[in-house]
Amino acid sequence: MSDLAAAPSAPDLVGALAEPTRLAVFAALVLGAGTTGAIATATGLSARVVDAAVRRLRACGLVAADGLAPRPDVFKTAARQAAAAVPAEFSGHPDADVLRAFIRGGQLLDLPADVSRRRTVLRYVAGSAFEPGVRYREPDVNARLDSWGTLDHATLRRYMVDLDLLVRAAGEYWLA
């Protein structure tokens, strides 16, 4: 599986291991179980369930096609594929690497600890969430920030004001 195009994608791998029985079977294989019986013993699953799990893991490339050898190397390949896929929204952006590390699919995953990177990420979010020249009431700001994911909107709003990305006066906010 040296060819990146032939490797299973990260979502395929996650899907294959999302079922607890398949995850248990793969773990048993990684830990050295080499037969269906050994896997069944290690996991407490029936041979029928183990066979079904192994078929699914083979189909995804997590188990070698000609035996029961686990293929943990596919994770590294899938991770490289995912890292190489630059979302179109970041193409040509001078801070694409920073943004890609903290924003995926229009969702803010986390905030950088480094203030410079935090400013970069929050500048991007603010520029995407708010229109220049428009004043927003706090509930509208909160709703717009909530659409960026599960991070606390009050924290995001406070950081944006502290970093001079948003201005606040008389209960209204606007882009600085």
N, C-alpha and C. Protein backbone atom coordinates (compact mmCIF):
# COMPACT_ATOMS: atom_id res chain seq x y z
N MET A 1 0.82 -1.20 0.00
CA MET A 1 0.00 0.00 0.00
C MET A 1 0.86 1.25 0.00
N SER A 2 1.89 1.25 -0.79
CA SER A 2 2.72 2.43 -0.86
C SER A 2 2.07 3.53 -1.68
N ASP A 3 1.14 3.18 -2.55
CA ASP A 3 0.46 4.17 -3.36
C ASP A 3 -0.63 4.85 -2.55
N LEU A 4 -0.52 6.19 -2.39
CA LEU A 4 -1.49 6.92 -1.59
C LEU A 4 -2.89 6.80 -2.14
N ALA A 5 -3.05 6.71 -3.44
CA ALA A 5 -4.38 6.67 -4.04
C ALA A 5 -5.08 5.35 -3.74
N ALA A 6 -4.32 4.25 -3.53
CA ALA A 6 -4.92 2.94 -3.31
C ALA A 6 -5.28 2.71 -1.85
N ALA A 7 -4.80 3.53 -0.97
CA ALA A 7 -5.02 3.32 0.47
C ALA A 7 -6.44 3.72 0.85
N PRO A 8 -6.99 3.06 1.87
CA PRO A 8 -8.31 3.48 2.35
C PRO A 8 -8.24 4.88 2.95
N SER A 9 -9.33 5.59 2.85
CA SER A 9 -9.37 6.94 3.39
C SER A 9 -9.55 6.89 4.90
N ALA A 10 -9.26 8.02 5.55
CA ALA A 10 -9.45 8.10 6.99
C ALA A 10 -10.90 7.81 7.37
N PRO A 11 -11.91 8.35 6.67
CA PRO A 11 -13.30 8.01 7.02
C PRO A 11 -13.60 6.52 6.86
N ASP A 12 -12.99 5.86 5.85
CA ASP A 12 -13.18 4.42 5.69
C ASP A 12 -12.62 3.66 6.89
N LEU A 13 -11.44 4.08 7.33
CA LEU A 13 -10.81 3.42 8.48
C LEU A 13 -11.64 3.62 9.75
N VAL A 14 -12.09 4.83 9.95
CA VAL A 14 -12.91 5.12 11.13
C VAL A 14 -14.20 4.30 11.07
N GLY A 15 -14.79 4.24 9.90
CA GLY A 15 -16.02 3.45 9.75
C GLY A 15 -15.79 1.99 10.03
N ALA A 16 -14.67 1.45 9.57
CA ALA A 16 -14.37 0.04 9.79
C ALA A 16 -14.17 -0.27 11.27
N LEU A 17 -13.61 0.68 12.00
CA LEU A 17 -13.33 0.43 13.43
C LEU A 17 -14.39 1.01 14.36
N ALA A 18 -15.45 1.59 13.80
CA ALA A 18 -16.49 2.19 14.62
C ALA A 18 -17.33 1.14 15.34
N GLU A 19 -17.38 -0.04 14.79
CA GLU A 19 -18.13 -1.14 15.40
C GLU A 19 -17.23 -1.80 16.45
N PRO A 20 -17.69 -1.89 17.70
CA PRO A 20 -16.84 -2.44 18.78
C PRO A 20 -16.30 -3.84 18.51
N THR A 21 -17.07 -4.69 17.83
CA THR A 21 -16.56 -6.04 17.57
C THR A 21 -15.39 -6.00 16.59
N ARG A 22 -15.49 -5.16 15.56
CA ARG A 22 -14.37 -5.05 14.61
C ARG A 22 -13.15 -4.43 15.27
N LEU A 23 -13.37 -3.47 16.13
CA LEU A 23 -12.26 -2.86 16.85
C LEU A 23 -11.58 -3.89 17.75
N ALA A 24 -12.36 -4.70 18.43
CA ALA A 24 -11.80 -5.75 19.29
C ALA A 24 -11.02 -6.77 18.47
N VAL A 25 -11.55 -7.16 17.33
CA VAL A 25 -10.86 -8.13 16.47
C VAL A 25 -9.54 -7.54 15.96
N PHE A 26 -9.57 -6.29 15.51
CA PHE A 26 -8.34 -5.66 15.03
C PHE A 26 -7.32 -5.56 16.16
N ALA A 27 -7.77 -5.17 17.35
CA ALA A 27 -6.86 -5.07 18.50
C ALA A 27 -6.24 -6.43 18.81
N ALA A 28 -7.04 -7.49 18.76
CA ALA A 28 -6.51 -8.83 19.02
C ALA A 28 -5.45 -9.20 17.98
N LEU A 29 -5.71 -8.85 16.72
CA LEU A 29 -4.72 -9.13 15.68
C LEU A 29 -3.43 -8.36 15.91
N VAL A 30 -3.56 -7.08 16.25
CA VAL A 30 -2.37 -6.26 16.50
C VAL A 30 -1.58 -6.80 17.68
N LEU A 31 -2.29 -7.32 18.67
CA LEU A 31 -1.63 -7.85 19.87
C LEU A 31 -1.11 -9.27 19.69
N GLY A 32 -1.27 -9.83 18.48
CA GLY A 32 -0.62 -11.11 18.20
C GLY A 32 -1.50 -12.30 17.97
N ALA A 33 -2.80 -12.20 18.09
CA ALA A 33 -3.67 -13.33 17.80
C ALA A 33 -3.53 -13.66 16.32
N GLY A 34 -3.22 -14.93 16.01
CA GLY A 34 -2.95 -15.29 14.62
C GLY A 34 -3.94 -16.24 14.00
N THR A 35 -4.92 -16.66 14.77
CA THR A 35 -5.94 -17.56 14.22
C THR A 35 -7.31 -17.06 14.64
N THR A 36 -8.33 -17.55 13.95
CA THR A 36 -9.69 -17.17 14.31
C THR A 36 -10.00 -17.60 15.73
N GLY A 37 -9.53 -18.78 16.11
CA GLY A 37 -9.75 -19.28 17.47
C GLY A 37 -9.08 -18.40 18.52
N ALA A 38 -7.87 -17.96 18.24
CA ALA A 38 -7.15 -17.10 19.17
C ALA A 38 -7.85 -15.74 19.30
N ILE A 39 -8.36 -15.24 18.19
CA ILE A 39 -9.10 -13.97 18.22
C ILE A 39 -10.37 -14.14 19.05
N ALA A 40 -11.09 -15.24 18.82
CA ALA A 40 -12.33 -15.51 19.56
C ALA A 40 -12.04 -15.62 21.05
N THR A 41 -10.97 -16.28 21.41
CA THR A 41 -10.60 -16.41 22.82
C THR A 41 -10.24 -15.06 23.43
N ALA A 42 -9.45 -14.28 22.70
CA ALA A 42 -9.01 -12.99 23.21
C ALA A 42 -10.15 -11.99 23.36
N THR A 43 -11.14 -12.09 22.47
CA THR A 43 -12.21 -11.09 22.46
C THR A 43 -13.50 -11.57 23.12
N GLY A 44 -13.66 -12.87 23.27
CA GLY A 44 -14.90 -13.42 23.80
C GLY A 44 -16.02 -13.44 22.77
N LEU A 45 -15.65 -13.27 21.50
CA LEU A 45 -16.64 -13.27 20.42
C LEU A 45 -16.73 -14.66 19.80
N SER A 46 -17.86 -14.95 19.16
CA SER A 46 -18.01 -16.24 18.47
C SER A 46 -17.18 -16.24 17.19
N ALA A 47 -16.86 -17.43 16.70
CA ALA A 47 -16.08 -17.57 15.48
C ALA A 47 -16.82 -16.92 14.30
N ARG A 48 -18.15 -17.01 14.26
CA ARG A 48 -18.94 -16.41 13.19
C ARG A 48 -18.79 -14.89 13.20
N VAL A 49 -18.85 -14.28 14.38
CA VAL A 49 -18.70 -12.83 14.50
C VAL A 49 -17.28 -12.41 14.13
N VAL A 50 -16.29 -13.18 14.55
CA VAL A 50 -14.90 -12.90 14.21
C VAL A 50 -14.70 -12.96 12.70
N ASP A 51 -15.25 -14.00 12.05
CA ASP A 51 -15.11 -14.12 10.59
C ASP A 51 -15.72 -12.91 9.87
N ALA A 52 -16.90 -12.50 10.32
CA ALA A 52 -17.56 -11.34 9.69
C ALA A 52 -16.72 -10.08 9.88
N ALA A 53 -16.17 -9.90 11.06
CA ALA A 53 -15.34 -8.72 11.35
C ALA A 53 -14.07 -8.74 10.50
N VAL A 54 -13.45 -9.90 10.38
CA VAL A 54 -12.22 -10.02 9.58
C VAL A 54 -12.53 -9.71 8.11
N ARG A 55 -13.67 -10.17 7.60
CA ARG A 55 -14.03 -9.86 6.21
C ARG A 55 -14.14 -8.35 6.00
N ARG A 56 -14.78 -7.69 6.92
CA ARG A 56 -14.95 -6.22 6.81
C ARG A 56 -13.60 -5.51 6.93
N LEU A 57 -12.75 -5.98 7.85
CA LEU A 57 -11.43 -5.38 8.02
C LEU A 57 -10.55 -5.62 6.79
N ARG A 58 -10.69 -6.78 6.16
CA ARG A 58 -9.96 -7.06 4.92
C ARG A 58 -10.43 -6.13 3.80
N ALA A 59 -11.75 -5.96 3.70
CA ALA A 59 -12.31 -5.13 2.65
C ALA A 59 -11.79 -3.69 2.75
N CYS A 60 -11.51 -3.26 3.96
CA CYS A 60 -11.02 -1.90 4.18
C CYS A 60 -9.50 -1.82 4.07
N GLY A 61 -8.82 -2.95 4.05
CA GLY A 61 -7.37 -2.94 3.95
C GLY A 61 -6.66 -3.00 5.29
N LEU A 62 -7.42 -3.16 6.38
CA LEU A 62 -6.80 -3.23 7.70
C LEU A 62 -6.22 -4.60 8.02
N VAL A 63 -6.63 -5.61 7.25
CA VAL A 63 -6.10 -6.96 7.41
C VAL A 63 -5.66 -7.43 6.04
N ALA A 64 -4.49 -8.07 5.97
CA ALA A 64 -3.95 -8.56 4.71
C ALA A 64 -4.93 -9.50 4.04
N ALA A 65 -4.98 -9.45 2.72
CA ALA A 65 -5.93 -10.26 1.96
C ALA A 65 -5.62 -11.75 2.05
N ASP A 66 -4.38 -12.10 2.33
CA ASP A 66 -3.96 -13.50 2.31
C ASP A 66 -3.63 -14.05 3.69
N GLY A 67 -4.38 -13.71 4.68
CA GLY A 67 -4.13 -14.23 6.03
C GLY A 67 -4.77 -13.35 7.07
N LEU A 68 -4.19 -13.35 8.25
CA LEU A 68 -4.72 -12.56 9.36
C LEU A 68 -3.73 -11.51 9.85
N ALA A 69 -2.83 -11.11 8.98
CA ALA A 69 -1.85 -10.10 9.39
C ALA A 69 -2.50 -8.72 9.41
N PRO A 70 -2.42 -8.03 10.56
CA PRO A 70 -2.98 -6.67 10.62
C PRO A 70 -2.13 -5.71 9.78
N ARG A 71 -2.74 -4.66 9.27
CA ARG A 71 -2.06 -3.67 8.45
C ARG A 71 -2.16 -2.29 9.09
N PRO A 72 -1.52 -2.07 10.25
CA PRO A 72 -1.61 -0.75 10.88
C PRO A 72 -0.95 0.36 10.07
N ASP A 73 -0.13 -0.01 9.07
CA ASP A 73 0.52 0.99 8.22
C ASP A 73 -0.48 1.83 7.43
N VAL A 74 -1.70 1.31 7.23
CA VAL A 74 -2.68 2.08 6.45
C VAL A 74 -3.09 3.36 7.19
N PHE A 75 -2.95 3.40 8.51
CA PHE A 75 -3.27 4.62 9.25
C PHE A 75 -2.33 5.75 8.87
N LYS A 76 -1.04 5.44 8.76
CA LYS A 76 -0.06 6.46 8.40
C LYS A 76 -0.35 6.99 7.00
N THR A 77 -0.67 6.10 6.09
CA THR A 77 -0.97 6.51 4.72
C THR A 77 -2.22 7.37 4.67
N ALA A 78 -3.26 6.97 5.40
CA ALA A 78 -4.50 7.75 5.44
C ALA A 78 -4.26 9.12 6.07
N ALA A 79 -3.43 9.16 7.10
CA ALA A 79 -3.11 10.44 7.74
C ALA A 79 -2.37 11.36 6.76
N ARG A 80 -1.47 10.81 5.97
CA ARG A 80 -0.76 11.61 4.97
C ARG A 80 -1.73 12.14 3.92
N GLN A 81 -2.65 11.28 3.49
CA GLN A 81 -3.65 11.71 2.51
C GLN A 81 -4.48 12.87 3.07
N ALA A 82 -4.94 12.72 4.30
CA ALA A 82 -5.79 13.75 4.91
C ALA A 82 -5.01 15.05 5.07
N ALA A 83 -3.75 14.96 5.48
CA ALA A 83 -2.95 16.17 5.66
C ALA A 83 -2.67 16.86 4.34
N ALA A 84 -2.56 16.08 3.26
CA ALA A 84 -2.26 16.66 1.95
C ALA A 84 -3.48 17.33 1.33
N ALA A 85 -4.66 16.97 1.79
CA ALA A 85 -5.88 17.53 1.21
C ALA A 85 -6.14 18.91 1.81
N VAL A 86 -5.80 19.94 1.06
CA VAL A 86 -6.01 21.31 1.52
C VAL A 86 -7.42 21.72 1.11
N PRO A 87 -8.27 22.09 2.06
CA PRO A 87 -9.60 22.54 1.68
C PRO A 87 -9.50 23.73 0.72
N ALA A 88 -10.43 23.78 -0.23
CA ALA A 88 -10.41 24.85 -1.23
C ALA A 88 -10.45 26.22 -0.58
N GLU A 89 -11.12 26.34 0.57
CA GLU A 89 -11.22 27.64 1.22
C GLU A 89 -9.87 28.18 1.69
N PHE A 90 -8.87 27.31 1.83
CA PHE A 90 -7.56 27.76 2.28
C PHE A 90 -6.55 27.85 1.14
N SER A 91 -6.92 27.41 -0.05
CA SER A 91 -5.99 27.43 -1.18
C SER A 91 -5.49 28.85 -1.41
N GLY A 92 -4.18 28.99 -1.45
CA GLY A 92 -3.58 30.29 -1.70
C GLY A 92 -3.54 31.20 -0.48
N HIS A 93 -4.15 30.79 0.61
CA HIS A 93 -4.13 31.62 1.82
C HIS A 93 -2.73 31.55 2.42
N PRO A 94 -2.14 32.68 2.78
CA PRO A 94 -0.77 32.66 3.31
C PRO A 94 -0.62 31.88 4.61
N ASP A 95 -1.70 31.68 5.34
CA ASP A 95 -1.65 30.94 6.61
C ASP A 95 -2.38 29.61 6.52
N ALA A 96 -2.39 28.99 5.34
CA ALA A 96 -3.15 27.76 5.11
C ALA A 96 -2.76 26.66 6.10
N ASP A 97 -1.47 26.52 6.41
CA ASP A 97 -1.04 25.46 7.32
C ASP A 97 -1.62 25.64 8.72
N VAL A 98 -1.62 26.87 9.20
CA VAL A 98 -2.18 27.14 10.53
C VAL A 98 -3.68 26.91 10.52
N LEU A 99 -4.36 27.43 9.50
CA LEU A 99 -5.81 27.28 9.43
C LEU A 99 -6.21 25.82 9.31
N ARG A 100 -5.52 25.07 8.48
CA ARG A 100 -5.83 23.66 8.28
C ARG A 100 -5.68 22.87 9.58
N ALA A 101 -4.76 23.28 10.43
CA ALA A 101 -4.55 22.57 11.70
C ALA A 101 -5.69 22.78 12.69
N PHE A 102 -6.42 23.88 12.55
CA PHE A 102 -7.44 24.20 13.56
C PHE A 102 -8.86 24.32 13.01
N ILE A 103 -9.02 24.30 11.69
CA ILE A 103 -10.35 24.42 11.10
C ILE A 103 -10.51 23.32 10.06
N ARG A 104 -11.59 22.56 10.19
CA ARG A 104 -11.90 21.53 9.20
C ARG A 104 -13.39 21.53 8.92
N GLY A 105 -13.72 21.55 7.65
CA GLY A 105 -15.12 21.49 7.26
C GLY A 105 -15.94 22.64 7.82
N GLY A 106 -15.32 23.80 7.91
CA GLY A 106 -16.03 24.95 8.44
C GLY A 106 -16.24 24.91 9.95
N GLN A 107 -15.53 24.02 10.62
CA GLN A 107 -15.65 23.90 12.07
C GLN A 107 -14.32 24.22 12.73
N LEU A 108 -14.37 25.05 13.75
CA LEU A 108 -13.19 25.38 14.54
C LEU A 108 -12.99 24.26 15.54
N LEU A 109 -11.90 23.52 15.38
CA LEU A 109 -11.65 22.34 16.22
C LEU A 109 -11.09 22.70 17.59
N ASP A 110 -10.23 23.69 17.61
CA ASP A 110 -9.56 24.09 18.84
C ASP A 110 -8.91 25.45 18.59
N LEU A 111 -8.44 26.05 19.65
CA LEU A 111 -7.72 27.32 19.52
C LEU A 111 -6.24 27.08 19.79
N PRO A 112 -5.37 27.68 18.99
CA PRO A 112 -3.94 27.54 19.23
C PRO A 112 -3.54 28.18 20.56
N ALA A 113 -2.58 27.61 21.23
CA ALA A 113 -2.07 28.20 22.46
C ALA A 113 -1.22 29.43 22.15
N ASP A 114 -0.51 29.39 21.03
CA ASP A 114 0.34 30.50 20.61
C ASP A 114 -0.55 31.68 20.21
N VAL A 115 -0.30 32.85 20.78
CA VAL A 115 -1.14 34.02 20.55
C VAL A 115 -1.13 34.44 19.08
N SER A 116 0.01 34.38 18.43
CA SER A 116 0.09 34.76 17.02
C SER A 116 -0.78 33.84 16.16
N ARG A 117 -0.70 32.56 16.41
CA ARG A 117 -1.54 31.61 15.66
C ARG A 117 -3.01 31.76 16.02
N ARG A 118 -3.27 32.02 17.29
CA ARG A 118 -4.66 32.23 17.72
C ARG A 118 -5.25 33.43 16.98
N ARG A 119 -4.47 34.50 16.87
CA ARG A 119 -4.92 35.70 16.15
C ARG A 119 -5.20 35.35 14.69
N THR A 120 -4.32 34.56 14.07
CA THR A 120 -4.50 34.16 12.67
C THR A 120 -5.80 33.40 12.49
N VAL A 121 -6.04 32.42 13.34
CA VAL A 121 -7.25 31.59 13.24
C VAL A 121 -8.49 32.43 13.50
N LEU A 122 -8.46 33.24 14.56
CA LEU A 122 -9.64 34.04 14.90
C LEU A 122 -9.88 35.17 13.89
N ARG A 123 -8.83 35.68 13.27
CA ARG A 123 -9.01 36.68 12.21
C ARG A 123 -9.76 36.04 11.04
N TYR A 124 -9.40 34.81 10.72
CA TYR A 124 -10.08 34.10 9.64
C TYR A 124 -11.55 33.86 10.00
N VAL A 125 -11.80 33.39 11.22
CA VAL A 125 -13.18 33.14 11.66
C VAL A 125 -13.99 34.43 11.65
N ALA A 126 -13.42 35.49 12.22
CA ALA A 126 -14.13 36.77 12.27
C ALA A 126 -14.44 37.28 10.87
N GLY A 127 -13.47 37.19 9.96
CA GLY A 127 -13.69 37.64 8.59
C GLY A 127 -14.71 36.81 7.85
N SER A 128 -14.87 35.56 8.24
CA SER A 128 -15.85 34.68 7.60
C SER A 128 -17.23 34.80 8.24
N ALA A 129 -17.27 35.10 9.53
CA ALA A 129 -18.55 35.11 10.25
C ALA A 129 -19.25 36.46 10.24
N PHE A 130 -18.48 37.54 10.05
CA PHE A 130 -19.06 38.88 10.17
C PHE A 130 -18.77 39.71 8.91
N GLU A 131 -19.73 40.56 8.58
CA GLU A 131 -19.60 41.45 7.42
C GLU A 131 -19.01 42.79 7.87
N PRO A 132 -18.10 43.34 7.09
CA PRO A 132 -17.55 44.66 7.42
C PRO A 132 -18.66 45.72 7.42
N GLY A 133 -18.62 46.60 8.40
CA GLY A 133 -19.57 47.69 8.48
C GLY A 133 -20.91 47.35 9.10
N VAL A 134 -21.15 46.07 9.41
CA VAL A 134 -22.41 45.66 10.01
C VAL A 134 -22.23 45.55 11.52
N ARG A 135 -23.19 46.08 12.27
CA ARG A 135 -23.17 45.98 13.73
C ARG A 135 -24.09 44.84 14.15
N TYR A 136 -23.60 44.05 15.10
CA TYR A 136 -24.33 42.86 15.54
C TYR A 136 -24.64 42.96 17.03
N ARG A 137 -25.84 42.54 17.40
CA ARG A 137 -26.16 42.42 18.82
C ARG A 137 -25.52 41.14 19.34
N GLU A 138 -25.31 41.07 20.65
CA GLU A 138 -24.60 39.93 21.24
C GLU A 138 -25.23 38.59 20.89
N PRO A 139 -26.57 38.43 20.93
CA PRO A 139 -27.14 37.13 20.55
C PRO A 139 -26.81 36.74 19.10
N ASP A 140 -26.72 37.73 18.21
CA ASP A 140 -26.37 37.45 16.82
C ASP A 140 -24.90 37.03 16.71
N VAL A 141 -24.04 37.68 17.47
CA VAL A 141 -22.63 37.30 17.50
C VAL A 141 -22.50 35.87 18.01
N ASN A 142 -23.21 35.57 19.10
CA ASN A 142 -23.15 34.22 19.67
C ASN A 142 -23.61 33.17 18.66
N ALA A 143 -24.70 33.45 17.96
CA ALA A 143 -25.22 32.49 16.98
C ALA A 143 -24.22 32.27 15.85
N ARG A 144 -23.60 33.34 15.38
CA ARG A 144 -22.62 33.20 14.31
C ARG A 144 -21.39 32.42 14.78
N LEU A 145 -20.96 32.64 16.01
CA LEU A 145 -19.81 31.90 16.53
C LEU A 145 -20.17 30.45 16.84
N ASP A 146 -21.41 30.21 17.28
CA ASP A 146 -21.85 28.83 17.53
C ASP A 146 -21.80 27.99 16.26
N SER A 147 -22.01 28.61 15.11
CA SER A 147 -22.01 27.86 13.85
C SER A 147 -20.62 27.33 13.50
N TRP A 148 -19.59 27.80 14.21
CA TRP A 148 -18.22 27.36 13.95
C TRP A 148 -17.83 26.12 14.74
N GLY A 149 -18.74 25.56 15.53
CA GLY A 149 -18.42 24.32 16.23
C GLY A 149 -18.80 24.36 17.69
N THR A 150 -18.15 23.51 18.45
CA THR A 150 -18.53 23.30 19.83
C THR A 150 -17.77 24.16 20.83
N LEU A 151 -16.84 24.97 20.36
CA LEU A 151 -16.12 25.84 21.31
C LEU A 151 -17.07 26.90 21.85
N ASP A 152 -16.86 27.30 23.06
CA ASP A 152 -17.70 28.26 23.76
C ASP A 152 -17.70 29.62 23.05
N HIS A 153 -18.90 30.08 22.65
CA HIS A 153 -18.98 31.35 21.92
C HIS A 153 -18.52 32.54 22.77
N ALA A 154 -18.74 32.48 24.07
CA ALA A 154 -18.31 33.60 24.94
C ALA A 154 -16.78 33.72 24.94
N THR A 155 -16.10 32.58 24.97
CA THR A 155 -14.64 32.59 24.93
C THR A 155 -14.15 33.13 23.59
N LEU A 156 -14.75 32.65 22.50
CA LEU A 156 -14.34 33.13 21.17
C LEU A 156 -14.58 34.63 21.05
N ARG A 157 -15.74 35.08 21.50
CA ARG A 157 -16.09 36.51 21.43
C ARG A 157 -15.09 37.34 22.24
N ARG A 158 -14.77 36.88 23.44
CA ARG A 158 -13.84 37.60 24.32
C ARG A 158 -12.46 37.68 23.68
N TYR A 159 -11.97 36.55 23.13
CA TYR A 159 -10.67 36.57 22.46
C TYR A 159 -10.68 37.54 21.28
N MET A 160 -11.77 37.53 20.51
CA MET A 160 -11.83 38.43 19.35
C MET A 160 -11.80 39.89 19.76
N VAL A 161 -12.45 40.22 20.86
CA VAL A 161 -12.41 41.60 21.35
C VAL A 161 -11.02 41.90 21.90
N ASP A 162 -10.46 41.00 22.69
CA ASP A 162 -9.13 41.21 23.27
C ASP A 162 -8.04 41.35 22.20
N LEU A 163 -8.21 40.64 21.09
CA LEU A 163 -7.22 40.69 20.01
C LEU A 163 -7.52 41.78 18.98
N ASP A 164 -8.49 42.65 19.32
CA ASP A 164 -8.88 43.77 18.45
C ASP A 164 -9.37 43.32 17.08
N LEU A 165 -10.04 42.18 17.04
CA LEU A 165 -10.67 41.72 15.81
C LEU A 165 -12.12 42.17 15.75
N LEU A 166 -12.75 42.25 16.92
CA LEU A 166 -14.10 42.79 17.05
C LEU A 166 -14.05 43.96 18.02
N VAL A 167 -14.91 44.94 17.75
CA VAL A 167 -15.06 46.08 18.65
C VAL A 167 -16.41 45.93 19.34
N ARG A 168 -16.45 46.28 20.62
CA ARG A 168 -17.71 46.21 21.37
C ARG A 168 -17.99 47.57 21.98
N ALA A 169 -19.23 48.03 21.76
CA ALA A 169 -19.67 49.28 22.38
C ALA A 169 -21.20 49.27 22.39
N ALA A 170 -21.75 49.71 23.50
CA ALA A 170 -23.21 49.85 23.65
C ALA A 170 -23.96 48.58 23.27
N GLY A 171 -23.41 47.44 23.67
CA GLY A 171 -24.10 46.17 23.43
C GLY A 171 -24.04 45.68 21.98
N GLU A 172 -23.22 46.32 21.16
CA GLU A 172 -23.08 45.90 19.77
C GLU A 172 -21.63 45.55 19.47
N TYR A 173 -21.46 44.68 18.47
CA TYR A 173 -20.13 44.26 18.03
C TYR A 173 -20.01 44.49 16.53
N TRP A 174 -18.79 44.78 16.08
CA TRP A 174 -18.54 44.90 14.64
C TRP A 174 -17.07 44.61 14.41
N LEU A 175 -16.75 44.28 13.15
CA LEU A 175 -15.36 44.01 12.80
C LEU A 175 -14.51 45.25 13.01
N ALA A 176 -13.34 45.05 13.57
CA ALA A 176 -12.44 46.18 13.81
C ALA A 176 -11.83 46.63 12.49
